[in-house]
Amino acid sequence: MEIVDQFLMNARSGGDDYTARDSIRWYLLVQWRSIMSNHHTYKMLELVGSSPVSPQDAIENAIAECAKSVDHLDWFEVVQMRGHINDGKVAHYQVILKVGFKLKDS
């Protein structure tokens, strides 16, 4: 984290010609490297969440149900979203997700 703090201090002080966007990109890169350098092994599941309320609710429903039986959930990716139309209005949302979880002891 020292590198990120130093970079952000330089950006704030105007010592270097960095923009706020450069600072954010650098910070995210350092965080990504930190996470990826742990060399974990992940497995992916494909889930389908649904909700009459919203796509967000469909995602949260799918993850909540999955979390009941799968440990170490770490990330998700929305693969596809679709819905059901009734009388010209959205009646139901359905979201297909890929969910990643870290394998035990990896």
N, C-alpha and C. Protein backbone atom coordinates (compact mmCIF):
# COMPACT_ATOMS: atom_id res chain seq x y z
N MET A 1 0.82 -1.19 0.00
CA MET A 1 0.00 0.00 0.00
C MET A 1 0.86 1.26 0.00
N GLU A 2 2.11 1.16 0.40
CA GLU A 2 3.00 2.32 0.43
C GLU A 2 3.14 2.97 -0.94
N ILE A 3 3.26 2.17 -1.98
CA ILE A 3 3.43 2.70 -3.33
C ILE A 3 2.22 3.53 -3.73
N VAL A 4 1.04 3.00 -3.44
CA VAL A 4 -0.18 3.71 -3.78
C VAL A 4 -0.27 5.03 -3.03
N ASP A 5 0.01 5.00 -1.73
CA ASP A 5 -0.03 6.23 -0.92
C ASP A 5 0.94 7.27 -1.46
N GLN A 6 2.15 6.85 -1.81
CA GLN A 6 3.14 7.77 -2.34
C GLN A 6 2.68 8.35 -3.68
N PHE A 7 2.12 7.51 -4.51
CA PHE A 7 1.63 7.98 -5.81
C PHE A 7 0.52 9.01 -5.63
N LEU A 8 -0.43 8.71 -4.73
CA LEU A 8 -1.53 9.64 -4.51
C LEU A 8 -1.04 10.95 -3.91
N MET A 9 -0.05 10.90 -3.03
CA MET A 9 0.50 12.14 -2.45
C MET A 9 1.15 12.99 -3.53
N ASN A 10 1.89 12.36 -4.43
CA ASN A 10 2.50 13.10 -5.55
C ASN A 10 1.44 13.74 -6.42
N ALA A 11 0.38 12.99 -6.67
CA ALA A 11 -0.68 13.51 -7.53
C ALA A 11 -1.38 14.70 -6.88
N ARG A 12 -1.62 14.61 -5.57
CA ARG A 12 -2.30 15.69 -4.87
C ARG A 12 -1.43 16.94 -4.77
N SER A 13 -0.13 16.75 -4.57
CA SER A 13 0.76 17.89 -4.38
C SER A 13 1.13 18.56 -5.70
N GLY A 14 0.80 17.92 -6.79
CA GLY A 14 1.15 18.49 -8.09
C GLY A 14 2.61 18.27 -8.42
N GLY A 15 3.29 17.44 -7.63
CA GLY A 15 4.70 17.17 -7.86
C GLY A 15 4.96 16.50 -9.19
N ASP A 16 4.04 15.69 -9.62
CA ASP A 16 4.16 15.03 -10.92
C ASP A 16 2.92 15.38 -11.74
N ASP A 17 3.01 15.16 -13.00
CA ASP A 17 1.91 15.53 -13.90
C ASP A 17 0.91 14.36 -14.02
N TYR A 18 0.26 14.02 -12.90
CA TYR A 18 -0.72 12.94 -12.88
C TYR A 18 -2.11 13.53 -12.76
N THR A 19 -3.06 12.84 -13.33
CA THR A 19 -4.45 13.25 -13.17
C THR A 19 -5.11 12.34 -12.14
N ALA A 20 -6.30 12.70 -11.73
CA ALA A 20 -7.05 11.86 -10.80
C ALA A 20 -7.31 10.50 -11.42
N ARG A 21 -7.58 10.48 -12.72
CA ARG A 21 -7.84 9.21 -13.41
C ARG A 21 -6.60 8.32 -13.37
N ASP A 22 -5.40 8.91 -13.55
CA ASP A 22 -4.16 8.14 -13.47
C ASP A 22 -4.00 7.54 -12.08
N SER A 23 -4.33 8.32 -11.07
CA SER A 23 -4.23 7.85 -9.69
C SER A 23 -5.13 6.65 -9.45
N ILE A 24 -6.34 6.74 -9.95
CA ILE A 24 -7.29 5.64 -9.77
C ILE A 24 -6.82 4.41 -10.52
N ARG A 25 -6.36 4.60 -11.76
CA ARG A 25 -5.86 3.46 -12.54
C ARG A 25 -4.70 2.78 -11.84
N TRP A 26 -3.77 3.56 -11.32
CA TRP A 26 -2.61 3.01 -10.63
C TRP A 26 -3.04 2.24 -9.38
N TYR A 27 -3.93 2.84 -8.63
CA TYR A 27 -4.43 2.19 -7.40
C TYR A 27 -5.08 0.85 -7.74
N LEU A 28 -5.95 0.82 -8.74
CA LEU A 28 -6.61 -0.42 -9.12
C LEU A 28 -5.63 -1.47 -9.62
N LEU A 29 -4.61 -1.05 -10.35
CA LEU A 29 -3.60 -1.98 -10.83
C LEU A 29 -2.86 -2.62 -9.66
N VAL A 30 -2.47 -1.80 -8.70
CA VAL A 30 -1.76 -2.33 -7.52
C VAL A 30 -2.66 -3.28 -6.75
N GLN A 31 -3.93 -2.92 -6.58
CA GLN A 31 -4.85 -3.80 -5.87
C GLN A 31 -5.03 -5.12 -6.62
N TRP A 32 -5.19 -5.06 -7.93
CA TRP A 32 -5.38 -6.26 -8.73
C TRP A 32 -4.15 -7.17 -8.61
N ARG A 33 -2.96 -6.58 -8.70
CA ARG A 33 -1.74 -7.38 -8.57
C ARG A 33 -1.65 -8.03 -7.20
N SER A 34 -2.06 -7.31 -6.17
CA SER A 34 -2.03 -7.85 -4.81
C SER A 34 -2.96 -9.05 -4.70
N ILE A 35 -4.16 -8.93 -5.25
CA ILE A 35 -5.13 -10.02 -5.19
C ILE A 35 -4.65 -11.20 -6.02
N MET A 36 -4.18 -10.94 -7.21
CA MET A 36 -3.79 -12.01 -8.11
C MET A 36 -2.48 -12.69 -7.69
N SER A 37 -1.65 -12.00 -6.93
CA SER A 37 -0.37 -12.59 -6.55
C SER A 37 -0.52 -13.65 -5.46
N ASN A 38 -1.71 -13.78 -4.90
CA ASN A 38 -1.92 -14.79 -3.87
C ASN A 38 -2.04 -16.20 -4.46
N HIS A 39 -2.18 -16.31 -5.76
CA HIS A 39 -2.22 -17.59 -6.47
C HIS A 39 -3.29 -18.53 -5.94
N HIS A 40 -4.48 -18.02 -5.80
CA HIS A 40 -5.61 -18.86 -5.39
C HIS A 40 -6.15 -19.60 -6.61
N THR A 41 -6.88 -20.67 -6.33
CA THR A 41 -7.56 -21.40 -7.38
C THR A 41 -9.05 -21.23 -7.17
N TYR A 42 -9.73 -20.88 -8.25
CA TYR A 42 -11.15 -20.62 -8.17
C TYR A 42 -11.93 -21.60 -9.03
N LYS A 43 -13.19 -21.75 -8.67
CA LYS A 43 -14.11 -22.54 -9.48
C LYS A 43 -15.29 -21.62 -9.79
N MET A 44 -15.90 -21.84 -10.97
CA MET A 44 -17.03 -21.01 -11.36
C MET A 44 -18.30 -21.84 -11.43
N LEU A 45 -19.38 -21.21 -11.04
CA LEU A 45 -20.71 -21.78 -11.19
C LEU A 45 -21.53 -20.83 -12.04
N GLU A 46 -22.49 -21.36 -12.74
CA GLU A 46 -23.41 -20.50 -13.46
C GLU A 46 -24.75 -20.55 -12.74
N LEU A 47 -25.28 -19.38 -12.44
CA LEU A 47 -26.54 -19.26 -11.71
C LEU A 47 -27.53 -18.45 -12.53
N VAL A 48 -28.80 -18.67 -12.26
CA VAL A 48 -29.84 -17.85 -12.85
C VAL A 48 -30.68 -17.31 -11.70
N GLY A 49 -30.65 -15.99 -11.54
CA GLY A 49 -31.46 -15.34 -10.51
C GLY A 49 -32.66 -14.69 -11.15
N SER A 50 -33.75 -14.62 -10.40
CA SER A 50 -34.95 -13.99 -10.95
C SER A 50 -35.62 -13.12 -9.89
N SER A 51 -36.38 -12.15 -10.37
CA SER A 51 -37.08 -11.24 -9.47
C SER A 51 -38.13 -10.46 -10.25
N PRO A 52 -39.28 -10.21 -9.63
CA PRO A 52 -40.26 -9.33 -10.25
C PRO A 52 -39.95 -7.85 -9.99
N VAL A 53 -38.93 -7.59 -9.16
CA VAL A 53 -38.62 -6.22 -8.73
C VAL A 53 -37.61 -5.52 -9.63
N SER A 54 -36.41 -6.13 -9.82
CA SER A 54 -35.34 -5.47 -10.58
C SER A 54 -34.24 -6.48 -10.92
N PRO A 55 -33.38 -6.12 -11.89
CA PRO A 55 -32.22 -6.97 -12.17
C PRO A 55 -31.29 -7.07 -10.96
N GLN A 56 -31.12 -5.97 -10.23
CA GLN A 56 -30.28 -5.98 -9.02
C GLN A 56 -30.82 -6.99 -8.01
N ASP A 57 -32.12 -7.01 -7.84
CA ASP A 57 -32.74 -7.95 -6.91
C ASP A 57 -32.54 -9.39 -7.38
N ALA A 58 -32.61 -9.61 -8.69
CA ALA A 58 -32.38 -10.95 -9.24
C ALA A 58 -30.96 -11.42 -8.95
N ILE A 59 -29.99 -10.51 -9.10
CA ILE A 59 -28.59 -10.84 -8.81
C ILE A 59 -28.43 -11.18 -7.32
N GLU A 60 -28.98 -10.33 -6.48
CA GLU A 60 -28.85 -10.55 -5.03
C GLU A 60 -29.54 -11.83 -4.59
N ASN A 61 -30.68 -12.15 -5.19
CA ASN A 61 -31.37 -13.41 -4.86
C ASN A 61 -30.50 -14.61 -5.21
N ALA A 62 -29.91 -14.59 -6.40
CA ALA A 62 -29.07 -15.71 -6.84
C ALA A 62 -27.86 -15.89 -5.93
N ILE A 63 -27.20 -14.79 -5.60
CA ILE A 63 -26.00 -14.87 -4.75
C ILE A 63 -26.37 -15.31 -3.34
N ALA A 64 -27.47 -14.80 -2.81
CA ALA A 64 -27.90 -15.18 -1.45
C ALA A 64 -28.21 -16.67 -1.37
N GLU A 65 -28.88 -17.20 -2.37
CA GLU A 65 -29.19 -18.63 -2.38
C GLU A 65 -27.92 -19.46 -2.52
N CYS A 66 -27.03 -19.04 -3.39
CA CYS A 66 -25.77 -19.76 -3.59
C CYS A 66 -24.93 -19.77 -2.31
N ALA A 67 -24.91 -18.64 -1.62
CA ALA A 67 -24.10 -18.51 -0.41
C ALA A 67 -24.56 -19.46 0.71
N LYS A 68 -25.78 -19.96 0.61
CA LYS A 68 -26.28 -20.90 1.62
C LYS A 68 -25.55 -22.24 1.55
N SER A 69 -25.04 -22.58 0.36
CA SER A 69 -24.40 -23.89 0.22
C SER A 69 -22.97 -23.85 -0.31
N VAL A 70 -22.49 -22.68 -0.73
CA VAL A 70 -21.14 -22.57 -1.28
C VAL A 70 -20.36 -21.54 -0.44
N ASP A 71 -19.20 -21.95 0.05
CA ASP A 71 -18.35 -21.05 0.84
C ASP A 71 -17.37 -20.32 -0.06
N HIS A 72 -16.83 -19.24 0.45
CA HIS A 72 -15.75 -18.46 -0.18
C HIS A 72 -16.16 -17.83 -1.51
N LEU A 73 -17.43 -17.41 -1.64
CA LEU A 73 -17.83 -16.68 -2.84
C LEU A 73 -17.00 -15.42 -2.92
N ASP A 74 -16.50 -15.12 -4.11
CA ASP A 74 -15.56 -14.01 -4.22
C ASP A 74 -15.94 -12.98 -5.27
N TRP A 75 -16.56 -13.38 -6.36
CA TRP A 75 -16.87 -12.44 -7.44
C TRP A 75 -18.03 -12.97 -8.28
N PHE A 76 -18.61 -12.08 -9.07
CA PHE A 76 -19.62 -12.51 -10.02
C PHE A 76 -19.51 -11.69 -11.29
N GLU A 77 -20.06 -12.25 -12.37
CA GLU A 77 -20.08 -11.58 -13.66
C GLU A 77 -21.47 -11.80 -14.26
N VAL A 78 -22.11 -10.74 -14.69
CA VAL A 78 -23.40 -10.86 -15.36
C VAL A 78 -23.14 -11.29 -16.79
N VAL A 79 -23.70 -12.43 -17.16
CA VAL A 79 -23.49 -12.99 -18.49
C VAL A 79 -24.62 -12.57 -19.42
N GLN A 80 -25.83 -12.62 -18.90
CA GLN A 80 -26.99 -12.31 -19.73
C GLN A 80 -28.13 -11.83 -18.85
N MET A 81 -28.95 -10.95 -19.41
CA MET A 81 -30.12 -10.49 -18.68
C MET A 81 -31.30 -10.54 -19.64
N ARG A 82 -32.41 -11.02 -19.15
CA ARG A 82 -33.62 -11.06 -19.96
C ARG A 82 -34.81 -10.93 -19.01
N GLY A 83 -35.99 -10.85 -19.58
CA GLY A 83 -37.16 -10.70 -18.74
C GLY A 83 -38.42 -11.17 -19.43
N HIS A 84 -39.47 -11.13 -18.67
CA HIS A 84 -40.78 -11.53 -19.15
C HIS A 84 -41.65 -10.28 -19.24
N ILE A 85 -42.39 -10.14 -20.34
CA ILE A 85 -43.25 -8.98 -20.54
C ILE A 85 -44.70 -9.43 -20.42
N ASN A 86 -45.47 -8.64 -19.68
CA ASN A 86 -46.89 -8.93 -19.51
C ASN A 86 -47.67 -7.63 -19.68
N ASP A 87 -48.59 -7.61 -20.61
CA ASP A 87 -49.40 -6.41 -20.88
C ASP A 87 -48.55 -5.19 -21.18
N GLY A 88 -47.46 -5.39 -21.94
CA GLY A 88 -46.62 -4.28 -22.35
C GLY A 88 -45.70 -3.73 -21.26
N LYS A 89 -45.60 -4.43 -20.14
CA LYS A 89 -44.73 -3.99 -19.04
C LYS A 89 -43.83 -5.14 -18.59
N VAL A 90 -42.69 -4.78 -18.04
CA VAL A 90 -41.78 -5.81 -17.52
C VAL A 90 -42.44 -6.45 -16.30
N ALA A 91 -42.60 -7.77 -16.38
CA ALA A 91 -43.23 -8.50 -15.29
C ALA A 91 -42.22 -9.24 -14.42
N HIS A 92 -41.07 -9.58 -15.03
CA HIS A 92 -40.11 -10.39 -14.30
C HIS A 92 -38.73 -10.24 -14.94
N TYR A 93 -37.70 -10.19 -14.11
CA TYR A 93 -36.32 -10.10 -14.59
C TYR A 93 -35.63 -11.43 -14.34
N GLN A 94 -34.75 -11.81 -15.26
CA GLN A 94 -33.95 -13.02 -15.11
C GLN A 94 -32.52 -12.67 -15.50
N VAL A 95 -31.58 -12.97 -14.61
CA VAL A 95 -30.18 -12.63 -14.83
C VAL A 95 -29.33 -13.90 -14.70
N ILE A 96 -28.51 -14.15 -15.73
CA ILE A 96 -27.58 -15.28 -15.68
C ILE A 96 -26.24 -14.76 -15.22
N LEU A 97 -25.68 -15.41 -14.20
CA LEU A 97 -24.42 -14.98 -13.59
C LEU A 97 -23.40 -16.10 -13.62
N LYS A 98 -22.15 -15.73 -13.72
CA LYS A 98 -21.05 -16.63 -13.39
C LYS A 98 -20.56 -16.17 -12.02
N VAL A 99 -20.46 -17.11 -11.10
CA VAL A 99 -20.03 -16.80 -9.74
C VAL A 99 -18.75 -17.57 -9.47
N GLY A 100 -17.74 -16.88 -8.96
CA GLY A 100 -16.47 -17.51 -8.65
C GLY A 100 -16.30 -17.68 -7.16
N PHE A 101 -15.75 -18.81 -6.77
CA PHE A 101 -15.44 -19.02 -5.37
C PHE A 101 -14.08 -19.69 -5.25
N LYS A 102 -13.38 -19.32 -4.19
CA LYS A 102 -12.04 -19.85 -3.95
C LYS A 102 -12.15 -21.26 -3.39
N LEU A 103 -11.38 -22.16 -3.96
CA LEU A 103 -11.35 -23.53 -3.44
C LEU A 103 -10.68 -23.55 -2.08
N LYS A 104 -11.17 -24.40 -1.23
CA LYS A 104 -10.65 -24.51 0.14
C LYS A 104 -9.15 -24.78 0.11
N ASP A 105 -8.42 -24.10 0.96
CA ASP A 105 -6.97 -24.25 1.12
C ASP A 105 -6.17 -23.90 -0.14
N SER A 106 -6.71 -23.05 -0.98
CA SER A 106 -5.92 -22.67 -2.16
C SER A 106 -5.44 -21.24 -2.03
